[in-house]
Amino acid sequence: MTGKIAAVVSFLTAGAALAQAPSPVATVQYSCAEGKTLAAEYFDGPTRTAPDGRPIPGGRVILALADGKKLTLPQTLSGSGIRYANEGETFVFWSKGDTAFVEEGANQTVTYKDCVGRKK
């Protein structure tokens, strides 16, 4: 009997976790220069306030790149468009409207450029 109860509790716990998983607000497939592609799943999140009073966006993006790399990046401050970056800012994804590009490395080399998206 105890085994059955444990199995039911485990099943219910797993189901609750799946039910609470956030859904992306948008999924976009980008076609870029040089035949490269990337997919982006955009998620909302709570806005925070920086010490100087500026709002810090709380969104995030999950990127799947043509080379097989998959990254989750938090949204960061941006003057125009939407900007996502890892902590060291060695990987930055920018999007504005239906366009996007990726900068990588300390020198911010553009590795995915002229990307045009279409929503899935």
Protein backbone atom coordinates (compact mmCIF):
# COMPACT_ATOMS: atom_id res chain seq x y z
CA MET A 1 0.00 0.00 0.00
CA THR A 2 2.81 2.42 0.89
CA GLY A 3 4.37 1.84 -2.55
CA LYS A 4 1.11 2.75 -4.27
CA ILE A 5 0.77 5.96 -2.26
CA ALA A 6 4.36 6.92 -3.06
CA ALA A 7 3.73 6.27 -6.76
CA VAL A 8 0.58 8.43 -6.73
CA VAL A 9 2.36 11.26 -4.88
CA SER A 10 5.27 11.06 -7.33
CA PHE A 11 2.89 11.15 -10.31
CA LEU A 12 0.97 14.14 -8.90
CA THR A 13 4.18 16.03 -8.12
CA ALA A 14 5.51 15.48 -11.64
CA GLY A 15 2.18 16.57 -13.13
CA ALA A 16 2.13 19.75 -11.05
CA ALA A 17 5.66 20.61 -12.16
CA LEU A 18 4.70 20.18 -15.81
CA ALA A 19 1.55 22.25 -15.39
CA GLN A 20 3.56 25.13 -13.90
CA ALA A 21 6.27 25.21 -16.59
CA PRO A 22 6.04 28.59 -18.32
CA SER A 23 5.16 28.72 -21.99
CA PRO A 24 7.03 31.00 -24.38
CA VAL A 25 5.20 34.20 -25.34
CA ALA A 26 6.63 33.77 -28.86
CA THR A 27 8.70 31.27 -30.82
CA VAL A 28 10.56 32.62 -33.84
CA GLN A 29 12.61 30.83 -36.50
CA TYR A 30 15.32 33.12 -37.95
CA SER A 31 17.03 32.74 -41.34
CA CYS A 32 20.39 34.50 -41.39
CA ALA A 33 23.20 35.35 -43.82
CA GLU A 34 25.48 32.55 -44.98
CA GLY A 35 22.61 30.05 -44.73
CA LYS A 36 22.67 30.03 -40.94
CA THR A 37 19.52 29.60 -38.86
CA LEU A 38 18.53 30.00 -35.24
CA ALA A 39 15.37 29.48 -33.24
CA ALA A 40 14.33 31.69 -30.32
CA GLU A 41 11.75 31.04 -27.61
CA TYR A 42 10.89 34.27 -25.80
CA PHE A 43 9.69 34.31 -22.17
CA ASP A 44 8.38 37.14 -20.00
CA GLY A 45 9.57 37.74 -16.45
CA PRO A 46 9.16 40.28 -13.66
CA THR A 47 10.86 43.66 -14.10
CA ARG A 48 13.33 44.70 -11.41
CA THR A 49 14.69 48.16 -10.57
CA ALA A 50 18.39 49.00 -10.81
CA PRO A 51 20.00 51.04 -8.00
CA ASP A 52 19.85 54.11 -10.26
CA GLY A 53 16.10 53.63 -10.77
CA ARG A 54 16.20 52.22 -14.30
CA PRO A 55 13.94 49.22 -14.96
CA ILE A 56 15.75 45.92 -15.58
CA PRO A 57 13.76 43.62 -17.85
CA GLY A 58 13.09 40.17 -16.43
CA GLY A 59 12.54 38.22 -19.66
CA ARG A 60 14.72 35.51 -21.09
CA VAL A 61 15.28 33.74 -24.40
CA ILE A 62 16.20 30.16 -25.20
CA LEU A 63 18.25 30.01 -28.40
CA ALA A 64 18.95 26.97 -30.55
CA LEU A 65 21.74 27.74 -33.02
CA ALA A 66 22.53 26.04 -36.33
CA ASP A 67 25.80 24.67 -34.89
CA GLY A 68 23.84 22.72 -32.22
CA LYS A 69 24.55 25.14 -29.40
CA LYS A 70 21.60 25.82 -27.07
CA LEU A 71 21.66 28.77 -24.64
CA THR A 72 19.33 30.42 -22.16
CA LEU A 73 20.03 34.14 -21.83
CA PRO A 74 18.49 36.76 -19.53
CA GLN A 75 17.15 39.99 -20.97
CA THR A 76 19.40 43.00 -20.31
CA LEU A 77 19.12 46.75 -20.64
CA SER A 78 18.84 48.04 -24.19
CA GLY A 79 18.46 51.46 -25.74
CA SER A 80 16.51 50.06 -28.68
CA GLY A 81 15.18 46.59 -29.43
CA ILE A 82 15.57 43.64 -27.08
CA ARG A 83 18.98 42.51 -25.84
CA TYR A 84 19.88 39.22 -24.15
CA ALA A 85 23.37 38.41 -22.84
CA ASN A 86 25.27 35.90 -20.74
CA GLU A 87 26.91 37.12 -17.52
CA GLY A 88 30.27 37.97 -19.10
CA GLU A 89 28.57 39.47 -22.17
CA THR A 90 30.63 37.18 -24.41
CA PHE A 91 27.40 36.05 -26.08
CA VAL A 92 24.78 38.69 -26.95
CA PHE A 93 21.55 38.21 -28.91
CA TRP A 94 19.79 41.31 -30.22
CA SER A 95 16.34 41.42 -31.78
CA LYS A 96 14.19 44.27 -33.03
CA GLY A 97 10.96 43.77 -34.92
CA ASP A 98 11.48 40.70 -37.09
CA THR A 99 15.28 41.06 -37.33
CA ALA A 100 18.10 39.80 -35.11
CA PHE A 101 21.84 39.22 -34.86
CA VAL A 102 24.34 37.51 -32.53
CA GLU A 103 27.65 38.85 -31.19
CA GLU A 104 30.21 36.44 -29.69
CA GLY A 105 33.54 36.72 -27.91
CA ALA A 106 35.39 39.51 -26.17
CA ASN A 107 35.55 41.48 -29.44
CA GLN A 108 31.80 41.05 -30.01
CA THR A 109 32.23 39.46 -33.44
CA VAL A 110 28.91 39.21 -35.28
CA THR A 111 28.48 35.48 -35.94
CA TYR A 112 24.82 35.46 -37.04
CA LYS A 113 23.85 38.51 -39.10
CA ASP A 114 21.01 39.79 -41.23
CA CYS A 115 18.63 37.38 -39.50
CA VAL A 116 14.96 37.69 -40.44
CA GLY A 117 12.38 35.88 -38.35
CA ARG A 118 9.02 34.29 -38.81
CA LYS A 119 6.83 33.27 -35.90
CA LYS A 120 5.97 29.61 -35.54
